[in-house]
């Protein structure tokens, strides 16, 4: 009796398995998208016309910045904002992200609508 019952169960499982259609190459597959890194987002924004703002010191800026970046040190940003177009998006960066975070807050408080803190310069690479 046990043997017959086992054979019936095995047959049922085997037939269920055989009826499962194989996955075809045309079937939809859900792919999880990786979130853009800060550098990737910054590059896309600059490509679309955003201002690239380096808020490090003039010495740091002269030792190497990013292509097309303008330099307004965070300690001079209140006065330097007049050089910036409020209708444009701004990507702000510094050495580590601390000064650019402060600059982002200052710019938003002054009425700039889209300010993205890329963080440190190394995020670009």
Protein backbone atom coordinates (compact mmCIF):
# COMPACT_ATOMS: atom_id res chain seq x y z
CA UNK A 1 0.00 0.00 0.00
CA UNK A 2 2.82 2.41 0.92
CA UNK A 3 4.57 1.66 -2.34
CA UNK A 4 1.47 2.40 -4.41
CA UNK A 5 0.89 5.64 -2.49
CA UNK A 6 4.54 6.69 -3.03
CA UNK A 7 4.32 5.93 -6.74
CA UNK A 8 1.14 8.00 -7.05
CA UNK A 9 2.72 10.97 -5.22
CA UNK A 10 5.89 10.83 -7.30
CA UNK A 11 3.80 10.65 -10.48
CA UNK A 12 1.72 13.65 -9.43
CA UNK A 13 4.78 15.76 -8.62
CA UNK A 14 6.50 14.71 -11.81
CA UNK A 15 3.47 15.59 -13.92
CA UNK A 16 3.09 18.99 -12.22
CA UNK A 17 6.73 19.73 -12.81
CA UNK A 18 6.50 18.69 -16.44
CA UNK A 19 3.53 21.03 -16.98
CA UNK A 20 5.35 24.12 -15.78
CA UNK A 21 6.21 26.03 -18.95
CA UNK A 22 9.88 26.82 -19.43
CA UNK A 23 10.86 30.48 -19.27
CA UNK A 24 11.20 31.94 -22.73
CA UNK A 25 13.65 34.62 -23.72
CA UNK A 26 10.75 36.90 -24.67
CA UNK A 27 9.27 36.85 -21.16
CA UNK A 28 9.43 40.10 -19.21
CA UNK A 29 12.15 40.20 -16.59
CA UNK A 30 12.13 42.75 -13.82
CA UNK A 31 15.55 44.32 -13.40
CA UNK A 32 16.32 46.37 -10.35
CA UNK A 33 17.89 49.67 -11.37
CA UNK A 34 20.88 50.90 -9.45
CA UNK A 35 20.46 54.42 -8.10
CA UNK A 36 22.65 57.02 -9.75
CA UNK A 37 25.71 58.00 -7.75
CA UNK A 38 26.10 61.66 -6.73
CA UNK A 39 28.77 62.07 -9.42
CA UNK A 40 26.55 60.56 -12.13
CA UNK A 41 23.66 62.80 -11.13
CA UNK A 42 25.94 65.86 -11.06
CA UNK A 43 27.34 65.10 -14.53
CA UNK A 44 23.83 64.73 -15.94
CA UNK A 45 22.76 68.02 -14.39
CA UNK A 46 25.83 69.88 -15.72
CA UNK A 47 25.29 68.36 -19.16
CA UNK A 48 21.73 69.72 -19.00
CA UNK A 49 23.01 73.23 -18.18
CA UNK A 50 23.52 73.36 -14.41
CA UNK A 51 26.21 75.58 -12.93
CA UNK A 52 29.12 73.65 -11.39
CA UNK A 53 30.13 75.53 -8.25
CA UNK A 54 33.36 74.81 -6.36
CA UNK A 55 33.11 76.30 -2.85
CA UNK A 56 36.66 75.44 -1.79
CA UNK A 57 39.34 78.07 -1.19
CA UNK A 58 41.05 79.78 -4.16
CA UNK A 59 44.22 77.79 -3.41
CA UNK A 60 42.34 74.50 -3.53
CA UNK A 61 40.61 75.58 -6.73
CA UNK A 62 43.93 76.50 -8.39
CA UNK A 63 45.44 73.16 -7.42
CA UNK A 64 42.78 71.43 -9.51
CA UNK A 65 39.06 71.60 -9.97
CA UNK A 66 36.48 70.11 -12.30
CA UNK A 67 36.13 71.21 -15.94
CA UNK A 68 33.83 74.21 -16.23
CA UNK A 69 33.56 74.81 -12.48
CA UNK A 70 33.43 78.32 -11.10
CA UNK A 71 34.95 79.13 -7.73
CA UNK A 72 33.14 81.03 -5.03
CA UNK A 73 34.55 80.00 -1.64
CA UNK A 74 31.83 79.24 0.90
CA UNK A 75 33.11 82.05 3.15
CA UNK A 76 32.45 84.51 0.26
CA UNK A 77 29.23 82.94 -0.97
CA UNK A 78 26.83 85.53 0.45
CA UNK A 79 28.47 88.26 -1.65
CA UNK A 80 29.28 85.93 -4.56
CA UNK A 81 25.69 84.78 -5.09
CA UNK A 82 25.08 87.85 -7.23
CA UNK A 83 27.24 86.18 -9.93
CA UNK A 84 24.88 83.20 -10.11
CA UNK A 85 21.69 82.85 -12.16
CA UNK A 86 18.77 81.86 -9.89
CA UNK A 87 16.94 80.31 -12.82
CA UNK A 88 19.65 77.67 -13.32
CA UNK A 89 20.26 74.49 -11.40
CA UNK A 90 23.44 74.45 -9.33
CA UNK A 91 25.73 71.53 -8.51
CA UNK A 92 27.89 72.43 -5.54
CA UNK A 93 30.98 70.58 -4.30
CA UNK A 94 34.01 70.95 -2.05
CA UNK A 95 36.67 68.58 -0.75
CA UNK A 96 34.57 66.37 1.52
CA UNK A 97 30.97 67.57 1.41
CA UNK A 98 30.84 69.68 4.59
CA UNK A 99 31.31 73.10 2.98
CA UNK A 100 29.13 72.18 0.01
CA UNK A 101 26.37 71.17 2.42
CA UNK A 102 26.62 74.55 4.10
CA UNK A 103 26.67 76.29 0.71
CA UNK A 104 23.56 74.38 -0.42
CA UNK A 105 21.65 75.64 2.61
CA UNK A 106 22.80 79.21 2.02
CA UNK A 107 21.81 79.11 -1.65
CA UNK A 108 18.38 77.63 -0.94
CA UNK A 109 17.76 80.22 1.77
CA UNK A 110 18.61 82.92 -0.79
CA UNK A 111 15.97 81.60 -3.20
CA UNK A 112 17.87 79.23 -5.49
CA UNK A 113 15.39 76.49 -6.40
CA UNK A 114 17.48 73.49 -7.45
CA UNK A 115 20.76 73.05 -5.63
CA UNK A 116 22.40 69.63 -5.60
CA UNK A 117 25.17 68.87 -3.12
CA UNK A 118 27.50 66.48 -4.94
CA UNK A 119 29.66 66.29 -1.83
CA UNK A 120 33.39 65.90 -2.33
CA UNK A 121 35.16 66.55 -5.62
CA UNK A 122 36.13 62.89 -5.80
CA UNK A 123 32.45 61.92 -6.32
CA UNK A 124 32.79 63.23 -9.90
CA UNK A 125 35.31 60.54 -10.83
